[in-house]
N, C-alpha and C. Protein backbone atom coordinates (compact mmCIF):
# COMPACT_ATOMS: atom_id res chain seq x y z
N MET A 1 0.85 -1.17 0.00
CA MET A 1 0.00 0.00 0.00
C MET A 1 0.90 1.24 0.00
N LEU A 2 0.57 2.19 -0.84
CA LEU A 2 1.32 3.45 -0.90
C LEU A 2 0.97 4.30 0.32
N ASN A 3 1.98 4.73 1.06
CA ASN A 3 1.75 5.59 2.20
C ASN A 3 1.74 7.06 1.79
N HIS A 4 2.84 7.53 1.15
CA HIS A 4 2.85 8.92 0.70
C HIS A 4 3.90 9.14 -0.38
N ILE A 5 3.72 10.23 -1.07
CA ILE A 5 4.68 10.77 -2.02
C ILE A 5 5.03 12.16 -1.51
N ALA A 6 6.31 12.52 -1.53
CA ALA A 6 6.74 13.84 -1.07
C ALA A 6 7.34 14.61 -2.24
N LEU A 7 6.96 15.88 -2.36
CA LEU A 7 7.51 16.78 -3.36
C LEU A 7 8.20 17.93 -2.66
N TYR A 8 9.40 18.25 -3.08
CA TYR A 8 10.20 19.34 -2.52
C TYR A 8 9.95 20.58 -3.38
N VAL A 9 9.45 21.65 -2.78
CA VAL A 9 8.98 22.81 -3.54
C VAL A 9 9.66 24.10 -3.10
N VAL A 10 9.63 25.09 -3.98
CA VAL A 10 10.21 26.40 -3.71
C VAL A 10 9.26 27.25 -2.87
N ASP A 11 7.99 27.31 -3.29
CA ASP A 11 7.01 28.20 -2.65
C ASP A 11 5.85 27.36 -2.12
N LEU A 12 5.84 27.14 -0.80
CA LEU A 12 4.83 26.27 -0.19
C LEU A 12 3.42 26.78 -0.42
N GLN A 13 3.21 28.09 -0.29
CA GLN A 13 1.87 28.63 -0.45
C GLN A 13 1.35 28.43 -1.88
N LYS A 14 2.20 28.68 -2.85
CA LYS A 14 1.81 28.52 -4.25
C LYS A 14 1.49 27.05 -4.56
N SER A 15 2.33 26.15 -4.09
CA SER A 15 2.11 24.72 -4.33
C SER A 15 0.89 24.21 -3.58
N THR A 16 0.70 24.68 -2.35
CA THR A 16 -0.48 24.29 -1.59
C THR A 16 -1.74 24.73 -2.33
N ALA A 17 -1.78 25.96 -2.79
CA ALA A 17 -2.95 26.46 -3.52
C ALA A 17 -3.18 25.65 -4.79
N PHE A 18 -2.12 25.29 -5.49
CA PHE A 18 -2.25 24.51 -6.73
C PHE A 18 -2.90 23.16 -6.45
N TYR A 19 -2.37 22.41 -5.49
CA TYR A 19 -2.92 21.07 -5.23
C TYR A 19 -4.28 21.12 -4.56
N ARG A 20 -4.55 22.16 -3.81
CA ARG A 20 -5.86 22.33 -3.17
C ARG A 20 -6.90 22.84 -4.17
N ASP A 21 -6.58 23.89 -4.91
CA ASP A 21 -7.57 24.58 -5.73
C ASP A 21 -7.68 24.05 -7.15
N ILE A 22 -6.57 23.61 -7.73
CA ILE A 22 -6.59 23.10 -9.11
C ILE A 22 -6.84 21.59 -9.11
N ILE A 23 -6.01 20.84 -8.38
CA ILE A 23 -6.18 19.39 -8.33
C ILE A 23 -7.36 19.01 -7.43
N GLN A 24 -7.68 19.88 -6.49
CA GLN A 24 -8.81 19.73 -5.56
C GLN A 24 -8.62 18.59 -4.56
N LEU A 25 -7.40 18.53 -4.00
CA LEU A 25 -7.12 17.60 -2.93
C LEU A 25 -7.45 18.27 -1.60
N ASP A 26 -7.86 17.48 -0.64
CA ASP A 26 -8.15 18.00 0.70
C ASP A 26 -6.89 17.96 1.56
N THR A 27 -6.64 19.06 2.28
CA THR A 27 -5.52 19.07 3.21
C THR A 27 -5.88 18.25 4.44
N ILE A 28 -4.84 17.72 5.08
CA ILE A 28 -5.01 16.98 6.32
C ILE A 28 -3.98 17.50 7.31
N PRO A 29 -4.20 17.29 8.60
CA PRO A 29 -3.23 17.77 9.59
C PRO A 29 -1.85 17.14 9.37
N GLU A 30 -0.83 17.96 9.54
CA GLU A 30 0.55 17.46 9.47
C GLU A 30 1.18 17.68 10.85
N PRO A 31 2.08 16.78 11.26
CA PRO A 31 2.55 16.80 12.64
C PRO A 31 3.62 17.84 12.97
N PHE A 32 4.22 18.47 11.97
CA PHE A 32 5.37 19.32 12.23
C PHE A 32 5.01 20.73 12.67
N HIS A 33 3.95 21.29 12.10
CA HIS A 33 3.50 22.64 12.46
C HIS A 33 4.64 23.65 12.40
N ASP A 34 5.50 23.51 11.37
CA ASP A 34 6.65 24.39 11.25
C ASP A 34 6.55 25.35 10.05
N GLY A 35 5.40 25.35 9.36
CA GLY A 35 5.22 26.23 8.22
C GLY A 35 5.97 25.78 6.98
N ARG A 36 6.52 24.57 7.00
CA ARG A 36 7.27 24.05 5.84
C ARG A 36 6.58 22.88 5.17
N HIS A 37 5.44 22.44 5.68
CA HIS A 37 4.78 21.24 5.18
C HIS A 37 3.29 21.48 4.94
N THR A 38 2.79 20.88 3.87
CA THR A 38 1.35 20.73 3.68
C THR A 38 1.12 19.28 3.28
N TRP A 39 0.17 18.64 3.93
CA TRP A 39 -0.18 17.27 3.60
C TRP A 39 -1.57 17.24 3.00
N PHE A 40 -1.74 16.37 2.00
CA PHE A 40 -3.03 16.20 1.32
C PHE A 40 -3.44 14.73 1.37
N GLN A 41 -4.74 14.51 1.48
CA GLN A 41 -5.31 13.17 1.40
C GLN A 41 -5.42 12.80 -0.08
N VAL A 42 -4.87 11.66 -0.47
CA VAL A 42 -4.97 11.18 -1.85
C VAL A 42 -5.92 9.98 -1.91
N ALA A 43 -5.80 9.09 -0.94
CA ALA A 43 -6.68 7.93 -0.81
C ALA A 43 -6.83 7.68 0.69
N GLU A 44 -7.55 6.64 1.04
CA GLU A 44 -7.84 6.41 2.45
C GLU A 44 -6.59 6.41 3.32
N HIS A 45 -5.53 5.76 2.87
CA HIS A 45 -4.30 5.70 3.67
C HIS A 45 -3.09 6.20 2.88
N SER A 46 -3.32 7.05 1.88
CA SER A 46 -2.24 7.56 1.05
C SER A 46 -2.28 9.09 1.00
N HIS A 47 -1.10 9.70 1.07
CA HIS A 47 -1.01 11.15 1.16
C HIS A 47 0.00 11.71 0.16
N LEU A 48 -0.13 12.99 -0.10
CA LEU A 48 0.86 13.77 -0.84
C LEU A 48 1.41 14.78 0.15
N HIS A 49 2.73 14.79 0.33
CA HIS A 49 3.38 15.73 1.23
C HIS A 49 4.12 16.77 0.40
N ILE A 50 3.83 18.03 0.62
CA ILE A 50 4.53 19.13 -0.03
C ILE A 50 5.45 19.72 1.02
N ILE A 51 6.74 19.81 0.70
CA ILE A 51 7.74 20.27 1.66
C ILE A 51 8.51 21.44 1.05
N SER A 52 8.52 22.57 1.73
CA SER A 52 9.24 23.73 1.20
C SER A 52 10.72 23.64 1.52
N GLY A 53 11.51 24.37 0.73
CA GLY A 53 12.95 24.41 0.96
C GLY A 53 13.77 24.23 -0.30
N ALA A 54 13.13 23.83 -1.40
CA ALA A 54 13.88 23.69 -2.65
C ALA A 54 14.43 25.05 -3.05
N LYS A 55 15.62 25.08 -3.59
CA LYS A 55 16.28 26.34 -3.95
C LYS A 55 15.84 26.87 -5.30
N ALA A 56 15.39 25.98 -6.21
CA ALA A 56 15.02 26.42 -7.56
C ALA A 56 14.02 25.44 -8.16
N ILE A 57 13.25 25.95 -9.10
CA ILE A 57 12.35 25.11 -9.89
C ILE A 57 13.21 24.37 -10.91
N THR A 58 13.00 23.08 -11.04
CA THR A 58 13.79 22.28 -11.96
C THR A 58 12.91 21.63 -13.02
N THR A 59 13.53 21.25 -14.11
CA THR A 59 12.83 20.57 -15.19
C THR A 59 12.76 19.08 -14.88
N HIS A 60 11.62 18.49 -15.13
CA HIS A 60 11.42 17.06 -14.90
C HIS A 60 10.94 16.41 -16.19
N ASP A 61 11.27 15.15 -16.37
CA ASP A 61 10.81 14.39 -17.52
C ASP A 61 9.35 14.00 -17.31
N LYS A 62 8.55 14.09 -18.37
CA LYS A 62 7.13 13.76 -18.28
C LYS A 62 6.89 12.30 -17.90
N ASN A 63 7.86 11.43 -18.17
CA ASN A 63 7.70 10.03 -17.77
C ASN A 63 7.62 9.87 -16.26
N SER A 64 8.16 10.82 -15.50
CA SER A 64 8.03 10.83 -14.04
C SER A 64 6.92 11.81 -13.70
N HIS A 65 5.77 11.29 -13.31
CA HIS A 65 4.62 12.16 -13.07
C HIS A 65 3.70 11.58 -12.01
N LEU A 66 2.89 12.46 -11.43
CA LEU A 66 1.80 12.05 -10.55
C LEU A 66 0.56 11.94 -11.42
N CYS A 67 -0.33 11.02 -11.10
CA CYS A 67 -1.56 10.89 -11.88
C CYS A 67 -2.76 10.86 -10.94
N PHE A 68 -3.77 11.65 -11.29
CA PHE A 68 -5.02 11.68 -10.56
C PHE A 68 -6.16 11.42 -11.54
N SER A 69 -7.15 10.65 -11.11
CA SER A 69 -8.32 10.38 -11.95
C SER A 69 -9.46 11.30 -11.54
N VAL A 70 -10.20 11.77 -12.54
CA VAL A 70 -11.34 12.65 -12.32
C VAL A 70 -12.55 12.09 -13.07
N ALA A 71 -13.73 12.57 -12.71
CA ALA A 71 -14.96 12.13 -13.37
C ALA A 71 -15.01 12.59 -14.82
N SER A 72 -14.51 13.81 -15.09
CA SER A 72 -14.57 14.36 -16.44
C SER A 72 -13.28 15.11 -16.77
N VAL A 73 -12.52 14.57 -17.71
CA VAL A 73 -11.31 15.25 -18.17
C VAL A 73 -11.70 16.56 -18.86
N ASP A 74 -12.82 16.57 -19.59
CA ASP A 74 -13.26 17.79 -20.27
C ASP A 74 -13.53 18.92 -19.27
N GLU A 75 -14.20 18.61 -18.16
CA GLU A 75 -14.43 19.63 -17.14
C GLU A 75 -13.12 20.08 -16.52
N PHE A 76 -12.19 19.15 -16.32
CA PHE A 76 -10.89 19.52 -15.75
C PHE A 76 -10.12 20.41 -16.71
N MET A 77 -10.19 20.13 -18.01
CA MET A 77 -9.52 20.98 -18.99
C MET A 77 -10.09 22.40 -18.92
N SER A 78 -11.39 22.52 -18.71
CA SER A 78 -12.01 23.85 -18.57
C SER A 78 -11.46 24.58 -17.36
N ARG A 79 -11.25 23.87 -16.25
CA ARG A 79 -10.68 24.48 -15.04
C ARG A 79 -9.27 24.99 -15.33
N LEU A 80 -8.47 24.17 -16.02
CA LEU A 80 -7.11 24.60 -16.35
C LEU A 80 -7.13 25.83 -17.25
N ARG A 81 -8.00 25.84 -18.24
CA ARG A 81 -8.10 27.02 -19.12
C ARG A 81 -8.50 28.26 -18.32
N LYS A 82 -9.45 28.10 -17.41
CA LYS A 82 -9.91 29.23 -16.59
C LYS A 82 -8.76 29.82 -15.77
N HIS A 83 -7.85 28.96 -15.33
CA HIS A 83 -6.71 29.40 -14.51
C HIS A 83 -5.45 29.63 -15.34
N HIS A 84 -5.59 29.58 -16.66
CA HIS A 84 -4.47 29.85 -17.59
C HIS A 84 -3.29 28.91 -17.35
N ILE A 85 -3.63 27.63 -17.14
CA ILE A 85 -2.60 26.61 -16.97
C ILE A 85 -2.56 25.77 -18.24
N PRO A 86 -1.47 25.85 -18.99
CA PRO A 86 -1.40 25.09 -20.23
C PRO A 86 -1.32 23.58 -19.96
N PHE A 87 -1.94 22.81 -20.85
CA PHE A 87 -1.88 21.35 -20.75
C PHE A 87 -1.65 20.77 -22.13
N TYR A 88 -1.26 19.50 -22.14
CA TYR A 88 -0.80 18.88 -23.37
C TYR A 88 -1.24 17.42 -23.44
N SER A 89 -1.27 16.92 -24.66
CA SER A 89 -1.41 15.48 -24.87
C SER A 89 -0.05 14.83 -24.55
N TRP A 90 -0.01 13.49 -24.52
CA TRP A 90 1.26 12.82 -24.29
C TRP A 90 2.28 13.20 -25.35
N ALA A 91 1.81 13.39 -26.60
CA ALA A 91 2.72 13.74 -27.70
C ALA A 91 3.19 15.19 -27.64
N GLY A 92 2.58 16.00 -26.75
CA GLY A 92 3.00 17.38 -26.60
C GLY A 92 2.13 18.38 -27.33
N ASP A 93 0.98 17.94 -27.86
CA ASP A 93 0.06 18.85 -28.53
C ASP A 93 -0.66 19.70 -27.48
N ALA A 94 -0.56 21.01 -27.61
CA ALA A 94 -1.14 21.93 -26.63
C ALA A 94 -2.66 21.89 -26.68
N ASP A 95 -3.26 21.97 -25.48
CA ASP A 95 -4.71 22.11 -25.32
C ASP A 95 -5.49 20.94 -25.90
N LYS A 96 -4.87 19.76 -25.91
CA LYS A 96 -5.53 18.56 -26.45
C LYS A 96 -5.27 17.37 -25.55
N PRO A 97 -6.27 16.52 -25.38
CA PRO A 97 -6.06 15.29 -24.62
C PRO A 97 -5.51 14.18 -25.52
N THR A 98 -5.02 13.15 -24.88
CA THR A 98 -4.68 11.89 -25.54
C THR A 98 -5.79 10.91 -25.18
N VAL A 99 -6.18 10.07 -26.12
CA VAL A 99 -7.06 8.95 -25.81
C VAL A 99 -6.23 7.70 -26.02
N ARG A 100 -5.97 7.00 -24.91
CA ARG A 100 -5.14 5.80 -24.99
C ARG A 100 -5.86 4.70 -25.76
N VAL A 101 -5.14 3.66 -26.12
CA VAL A 101 -5.73 2.55 -26.87
C VAL A 101 -6.83 1.85 -26.08
N ASP A 102 -6.81 1.98 -24.75
CA ASP A 102 -7.86 1.36 -23.93
C ASP A 102 -9.03 2.31 -23.68
N GLY A 103 -9.01 3.50 -24.35
CA GLY A 103 -10.13 4.43 -24.25
C GLY A 103 -10.02 5.46 -23.15
N ILE A 104 -8.98 5.40 -22.33
CA ILE A 104 -8.81 6.36 -21.23
C ILE A 104 -8.31 7.69 -21.80
N LYS A 105 -8.99 8.78 -21.43
CA LYS A 105 -8.59 10.12 -21.85
C LYS A 105 -7.65 10.69 -20.80
N GLN A 106 -6.56 11.35 -21.26
CA GLN A 106 -5.57 11.87 -20.33
C GLN A 106 -4.97 13.17 -20.86
N ILE A 107 -4.53 14.01 -19.91
CA ILE A 107 -3.81 15.25 -20.22
C ILE A 107 -2.63 15.37 -19.27
N TYR A 108 -1.68 16.23 -19.65
CA TYR A 108 -0.47 16.44 -18.86
C TYR A 108 -0.19 17.93 -18.72
N PHE A 109 0.30 18.34 -17.55
CA PHE A 109 0.68 19.73 -17.28
C PHE A 109 1.65 19.71 -16.12
N THR A 110 2.25 20.85 -15.83
CA THR A 110 3.21 20.90 -14.73
C THR A 110 2.66 21.73 -13.57
N ASP A 111 3.09 21.37 -12.38
CA ASP A 111 2.74 22.14 -11.19
C ASP A 111 3.69 23.33 -11.09
N PRO A 112 3.55 24.18 -10.08
CA PRO A 112 4.41 25.37 -9.98
C PRO A 112 5.91 25.08 -9.91
N ASP A 113 6.31 23.86 -9.54
CA ASP A 113 7.72 23.52 -9.45
C ASP A 113 8.21 22.67 -10.61
N GLY A 114 7.39 22.53 -11.64
CA GLY A 114 7.81 21.78 -12.81
C GLY A 114 7.59 20.29 -12.75
N TYR A 115 6.96 19.80 -11.67
CA TYR A 115 6.61 18.38 -11.60
C TYR A 115 5.44 18.12 -12.55
N TRP A 116 5.52 17.06 -13.33
CA TRP A 116 4.44 16.72 -14.26
C TRP A 116 3.28 16.06 -13.53
N VAL A 117 2.07 16.40 -13.97
CA VAL A 117 0.84 15.84 -13.43
C VAL A 117 0.03 15.32 -14.61
N GLU A 118 -0.48 14.12 -14.46
CA GLU A 118 -1.43 13.57 -15.43
C GLU A 118 -2.81 13.57 -14.79
N ILE A 119 -3.81 13.91 -15.57
CA ILE A 119 -5.20 13.78 -15.18
C ILE A 119 -5.85 12.84 -16.18
N ASN A 120 -6.56 11.83 -15.68
CA ASN A 120 -7.26 10.94 -16.60
C ASN A 120 -8.64 10.58 -16.05
N ASP A 121 -9.41 9.86 -16.87
CA ASP A 121 -10.77 9.48 -16.47
C ASP A 121 -10.87 7.99 -16.21
N ASP A 122 -9.77 7.37 -15.78
CA ASP A 122 -9.75 5.94 -15.45
C ASP A 122 -10.37 5.75 -14.07
N HIS A 123 -11.51 5.06 -14.02
CA HIS A 123 -12.20 4.84 -12.74
C HIS A 123 -12.40 3.36 -12.50
N PRO A 124 -12.25 2.96 -11.25
CA PRO A 124 -12.48 1.52 -10.92
C PRO A 124 -13.94 1.16 -11.06
């Protein structure tokens, strides 16, 4: 079982707002209370930890990414457009989704620190 994924970020407030307001994850209490951490609930026993202290935003390969499933990729694309966040197909086509061979629709974009995020409509 996955316990957590931790991302090292430059601006905690900006990253917290991104994962809370754009990805729409719920924050959960974190034990440190030092102003350097935000924890999010991802699944019943799985979390995303955002930790401030990174010195610079770095480039990451799209093959290393976080993926979240949503009810509607089309509605999510509208949210990204509203917030002026560019997104791409796997091939790199701007403002377009990819439809995988199994029918799953997906898009890719980066968070404020350059980490890639995939959104898809794959539901159990």
